[in-house]
Protein backbone atom coordinates (compact mmCIF):
# COMPACT_ATOMS: atom_id res chain seq x y z
CA UNK A 1 -0.49 0.04 -0.27
CA UNK A 2 2.56 2.08 0.67
CA UNK A 3 4.00 1.11 -2.59
CA UNK A 4 1.34 2.92 -4.42
CA UNK A 5 0.54 5.93 -2.44
CA UNK A 6 4.20 6.71 -3.02
CA UNK A 7 4.11 5.74 -6.68
CA UNK A 8 0.37 8.12 -7.27
CA UNK A 9 2.34 10.67 -5.12
CA UNK A 10 5.03 10.38 -7.74
CA UNK A 11 2.70 10.75 -10.59
CA UNK A 12 0.69 13.71 -9.44
CA UNK A 13 3.71 15.42 -8.89
CA UNK A 14 5.45 14.95 -12.09
CA UNK A 15 2.21 15.41 -13.68
CA UNK A 16 2.05 19.06 -12.18
CA UNK A 17 5.57 19.73 -13.77
CA UNK A 18 4.52 19.05 -16.98
CA UNK A 19 2.22 22.06 -16.75
CA UNK A 20 5.15 24.07 -16.18
CA UNK A 21 6.09 24.62 -19.60
CA UNK A 22 10.14 25.44 -19.28
CA UNK A 23 9.45 21.86 -17.17
CA UNK A 24 11.02 18.63 -19.07
CA UNK A 25 9.03 14.78 -18.55
CA UNK A 26 13.05 12.81 -18.11
CA UNK A 27 14.35 11.65 -14.96
CA UNK A 28 18.02 11.11 -13.85
CA UNK A 29 18.68 8.80 -11.46
CA UNK A 30 22.51 9.18 -9.86
CA UNK A 31 24.74 6.60 -8.30
CA UNK A 32 27.83 6.72 -6.49
CA UNK A 33 30.86 4.49 -6.51
CA UNK A 34 32.52 2.31 -4.05
CA UNK A 35 32.69 3.07 0.01
CA UNK A 36 31.15 6.35 -0.46
CA UNK A 37 27.19 7.68 0.33
CA UNK A 38 24.69 9.65 -2.19
CA UNK A 39 25.68 12.71 -0.01
CA UNK A 40 28.70 13.40 -2.37
CA UNK A 41 26.03 13.21 -5.59
CA UNK A 42 24.21 16.33 -4.13
CA UNK A 43 25.93 19.65 -6.31
CA UNK A 44 25.68 17.05 -9.30
CA UNK A 45 21.66 16.28 -8.43
CA UNK A 46 21.12 20.02 -7.35
CA UNK A 47 22.16 20.79 -11.17
CA UNK A 48 19.80 18.23 -12.93
CA UNK A 49 16.83 18.91 -10.86
CA UNK A 50 17.78 23.33 -11.93
CA UNK A 51 17.29 21.83 -15.55
CA UNK A 52 14.39 20.49 -14.91
CA UNK A 53 15.00 16.62 -14.75
CA UNK A 54 13.20 14.33 -12.36
CA UNK A 55 16.09 12.66 -10.17
CA UNK A 56 16.88 10.08 -8.43
CA UNK A 57 19.86 9.98 -5.82
CA UNK A 58 20.21 6.47 -5.02
CA UNK A 59 22.52 5.14 -2.05
CA UNK A 60 23.71 2.26 -0.88
CA UNK A 61 26.25 -0.04 0.65
CA UNK A 62 28.11 -2.52 -0.98
CA UNK A 63 29.31 -4.47 2.44
CA UNK A 64 28.11 -8.10 1.10
CA UNK A 65 27.58 -7.36 -2.61
CA UNK A 66 28.39 -7.38 -5.98
CA UNK A 67 27.73 -5.48 -9.62
CA UNK A 68 25.57 -7.91 -9.52
CA UNK A 69 23.46 -8.11 -7.05
CA UNK A 70 23.34 -4.10 -6.55
CA UNK A 71 22.02 -3.77 -9.92
CA UNK A 72 19.17 -5.98 -9.09
CA UNK A 73 18.61 -4.73 -5.89
CA UNK A 74 19.47 -0.89 -6.20
CA UNK A 75 18.65 -0.19 -9.79
CA UNK A 76 15.66 -3.21 -11.06
CA UNK A 77 13.13 -1.28 -9.35
CA UNK A 78 12.53 2.07 -9.53
CA UNK A 79 13.90 1.23 -13.19
CA UNK A 80 10.94 -0.41 -13.92
CA UNK A 81 8.67 2.03 -11.49
CA UNK A 82 9.86 4.85 -13.54
CA UNK A 83 9.02 3.36 -16.93
CA UNK A 84 4.96 2.84 -15.49
CA UNK A 85 4.94 6.53 -14.89
CA UNK A 86 5.56 7.03 -18.08
CA UNK A 87 9.11 9.12 -18.08
CA UNK A 88 10.20 10.20 -21.66
CA UNK A 89 14.00 9.49 -20.96
CA UNK A 90 15.30 7.46 -18.08
CA UNK A 91 19.14 8.84 -17.69
CA UNK A 92 22.05 8.07 -15.50
CA UNK A 93 24.69 9.79 -14.11
CA UNK A 94 27.30 7.69 -12.43
CA UNK A 95 30.79 7.67 -10.35
CA UNK A 96 33.30 5.29 -10.44
CA UNK A 97 32.15 1.16 -9.83
CA UNK A 98 28.23 2.67 -9.99
CA UNK A 99 28.74 2.95 -13.75
CA UNK A 100 30.24 -0.41 -13.23
CA UNK A 101 26.72 -1.50 -11.47
CA UNK A 102 24.30 0.35 -14.37
CA UNK A 103 26.57 -1.68 -16.75
CA UNK A 104 25.34 -4.73 -15.44
CA UNK A 105 21.71 -3.64 -15.24
CA UNK A 106 21.64 -2.89 -19.24
CA UNK A 107 22.97 -6.54 -19.75
CA UNK A 108 19.27 -7.69 -19.38
CA UNK A 109 17.27 -4.67 -18.86
CA UNK A 110 16.45 -2.05 -21.52
CA UNK A 111 15.56 2.18 -20.75
CA UNK A 112 13.48 3.95 -23.14
CA UNK A 113 15.10 4.45 -26.44
CA UNK A 114 16.79 8.15 -26.06
CA UNK A 115 18.44 7.46 -22.54
CA UNK A 116 21.59 9.13 -22.11
CA UNK A 117 24.01 7.69 -19.80
CA UNK A 118 27.54 10.15 -18.27
CA UNK A 119 30.12 8.11 -16.35
CA UNK A 120 32.20 9.81 -14.01
CA UNK A 121 35.67 8.02 -13.65
CA UNK A 122 34.43 4.53 -14.33
CA UNK A 123 36.75 1.81 -14.06
CA UNK A 124 35.38 0.02 -16.63
CA UNK A 125 38.32 -2.36 -17.14
CA UNK A 126 39.21 -2.53 -13.20
CA UNK A 127 41.76 -0.25 -11.69
CA UNK A 128 45.14 -1.59 -10.95
CA UNK A 129 45.48 -0.68 -7.08
CA UNK A 130 42.62 -3.31 -7.19
CA UNK A 131 44.96 -5.59 -8.36
CA UNK A 132 47.75 -4.33 -6.32
CA UNK A 133 46.12 -4.99 -2.82
CA UNK A 134 43.99 -8.16 -4.04
CA UNK A 135 45.00 -10.70 -1.29
CA UNK A 136 45.39 -8.45 1.01
CA UNK A 137 42.82 -9.64 3.92
CA UNK A 138 42.62 -5.56 4.71
CA UNK A 139 41.82 -4.85 1.24
CA UNK A 140 39.01 -8.00 1.47
CA UNK A 141 37.27 -6.75 4.86
CA UNK A 142 36.74 -2.90 3.63
CA UNK A 143 35.10 -3.69 0.47
CA UNK A 144 34.15 -7.33 0.49
CA UNK A 145 33.61 -8.81 -2.45
CA UNK A 146 32.62 -6.27 -5.04
CA UNK A 147 36.31 -4.89 -4.65
CA UNK A 148 37.23 -8.03 -5.85
CA UNK A 149 35.54 -7.58 -8.81
CA UNK A 150 37.20 -3.86 -9.52
CA UNK A 151 40.46 -5.89 -10.76
CA UNK A 152 41.95 -5.43 -13.68
CA UNK A 153 41.32 -9.37 -14.61
CA UNK A 154 37.86 -9.75 -13.18
CA UNK A 155 35.92 -11.90 -15.30
CA UNK A 156 32.71 -9.97 -14.24
CA UNK A 157 34.10 -7.23 -16.45
CA UNK A 158 35.75 -8.75 -19.16
CA UNK A 159 32.46 -10.74 -20.13
CA UNK A 160 30.10 -7.17 -19.62
CA UNK A 161 28.74 -6.42 -23.02
CA UNK A 162 28.30 -3.35 -25.09
CA UNK A 163 25.09 -1.59 -24.22
CA UNK A 164 22.71 0.27 -25.94
CA UNK A 165 22.06 4.39 -25.12
CA UNK A 166 24.33 6.91 -25.82
CA UNK A 167 27.24 7.30 -22.92
CA UNK A 168 29.91 9.46 -22.29
CA UNK A 169 32.22 9.65 -19.91
CA UNK A 170 34.70 12.12 -18.10
CA UNK A 171 37.63 11.00 -16.51
CA UNK A 172 40.19 12.75 -13.90
CA UNK A 173 43.92 12.76 -14.98
CA UNK A 174 44.73 14.57 -11.67
CA UNK A 175 46.14 12.47 -8.25
CA UNK A 176 46.58 13.50 -5.01
CA UNK A 177 48.08 9.60 -4.41
CA UNK A 178 51.22 9.62 -5.26
CA UNK A 179 51.75 5.76 -4.37
CA UNK A 180 48.78 4.96 -6.01
CA UNK A 181 50.08 6.34 -9.26
CA UNK A 182 53.14 4.62 -9.01
CA UNK A 183 51.13 1.64 -8.91
CA UNK A 184 48.91 2.38 -12.54
CA UNK A 185 50.20 2.64 -15.87
CA UNK A 186 49.67 6.51 -17.86
CA UNK A 187 47.94 9.01 -17.41
CA UNK A 188 45.74 8.36 -13.77
CA UNK A 189 42.96 9.83 -11.42
CA UNK A 190 44.87 8.41 -8.36
CA UNK A 191 42.59 5.37 -8.54
CA UNK A 192 41.90 4.50 -12.00
CA UNK A 193 43.91 4.24 -15.47
CA UNK A 194 42.17 6.62 -18.15
CA UNK A 195 43.16 4.46 -20.35
CA UNK A 196 40.80 1.74 -17.59
CA UNK A 197 37.88 4.25 -18.08
CA UNK A 198 37.30 4.00 -21.85
CA UNK A 199 34.20 2.17 -23.54
CA UNK A 200 34.40 0.64 -27.64
CA UNK A 201 30.09 1.96 -27.59
CA UNK A 202 31.28 5.06 -26.31
CA UNK A 203 29.69 8.61 -28.22
CA UNK A 204 32.24 10.82 -26.31
CA UNK A 205 34.94 10.90 -23.59
CA UNK A 206 36.87 13.82 -22.04
CA UNK A 207 39.64 14.41 -19.62
CA UNK A 208 39.90 17.17 -16.84
CA UNK A 209 42.19 18.13 -14.19
CA UNK A 210 40.23 16.68 -11.85
CA UNK A 211 41.18 13.92 -8.73
CA UNK A 212 39.35 10.52 -8.10
CA UNK A 213 37.54 12.03 -5.53
CA UNK A 214 36.30 15.27 -6.29
CA UNK A 215 35.01 14.58 -9.80
CA UNK A 216 32.09 15.24 -9.30
CA UNK A 217 31.93 18.01 -7.45
CA UNK A 218 33.80 20.04 -10.64
CA UNK A 219 31.45 22.89 -12.20
CA UNK A 220 33.14 22.21 -15.79
CA UNK A 221 31.74 17.92 -15.14
CA UNK A 222 28.43 19.15 -13.92
CA UNK A 223 28.01 21.45 -17.00
CA UNK A 224 29.41 18.59 -18.95
CA UNK A 225 27.42 16.34 -17.95
CA UNK A 226 23.69 18.11 -18.64
CA UNK A 227 25.16 18.79 -21.93
CA UNK A 228 25.68 15.22 -22.54
CA UNK A 229 22.28 14.49 -21.13
CA UNK A 230 20.70 16.83 -23.65
CA UNK A 231 23.12 16.91 -26.88
CA UNK A 232 25.11 13.07 -26.72
CA UNK A 233 27.60 14.82 -27.00
CA UNK A 234 30.50 16.87 -25.08
CA UNK A 235 30.66 20.96 -25.61
CA UNK A 236 34.18 20.14 -25.88
CA UNK A 237 36.54 23.70 -26.34
CA UNK A 238 39.21 23.98 -29.29
CA UNK A 239 41.77 26.45 -28.66
CA UNK A 240 43.14 28.58 -31.40
């Protein structure tokens, strides 16, 4: 009954927004990364709300979970609810491991045509930091099973197939952790190599001077995220 009442009120709220000429019938689901909290996505969420999107900022605990279980537990219900409500598009904005959860969900599910995804610093091909600490008992205690799935040799990452929605990826090349950066080959953000964030199916890609943890607060990144959701590409600035 409580779920039914919540759905009715949300539907009425969306209908009221449609009466406003500036509103849009699109939603954005935000998903933070490993060991983080949904408060870290509030600045992004606020910017998206200002653009007229209906937002759902998901907070989750990865303790005892896997990418598969998190996709099923955290995304299935809300996406199906949004489909029933009738959003024209259901977008995703993710940070770090949040992008992997969305990719796994989309292996067997779909979202409305025209929906887009912006991934911030996603370890799409794993992280050498996870490789380095993979056998550490302390690492296993802190990050659990899902931490093992972030290794570059992770079976789940190598088996993920390309996804259909347009994907834009933004990653950083600035590190505040020299120890981790020595472990990671090439440019990195202190957690993930720039090359490991890429997907063959990505529509656009951008590197910014930001660290893994601060990229979601970067004003330029937030502007580019909104721009991609609207246009399917980033607004690249060419210096003449």
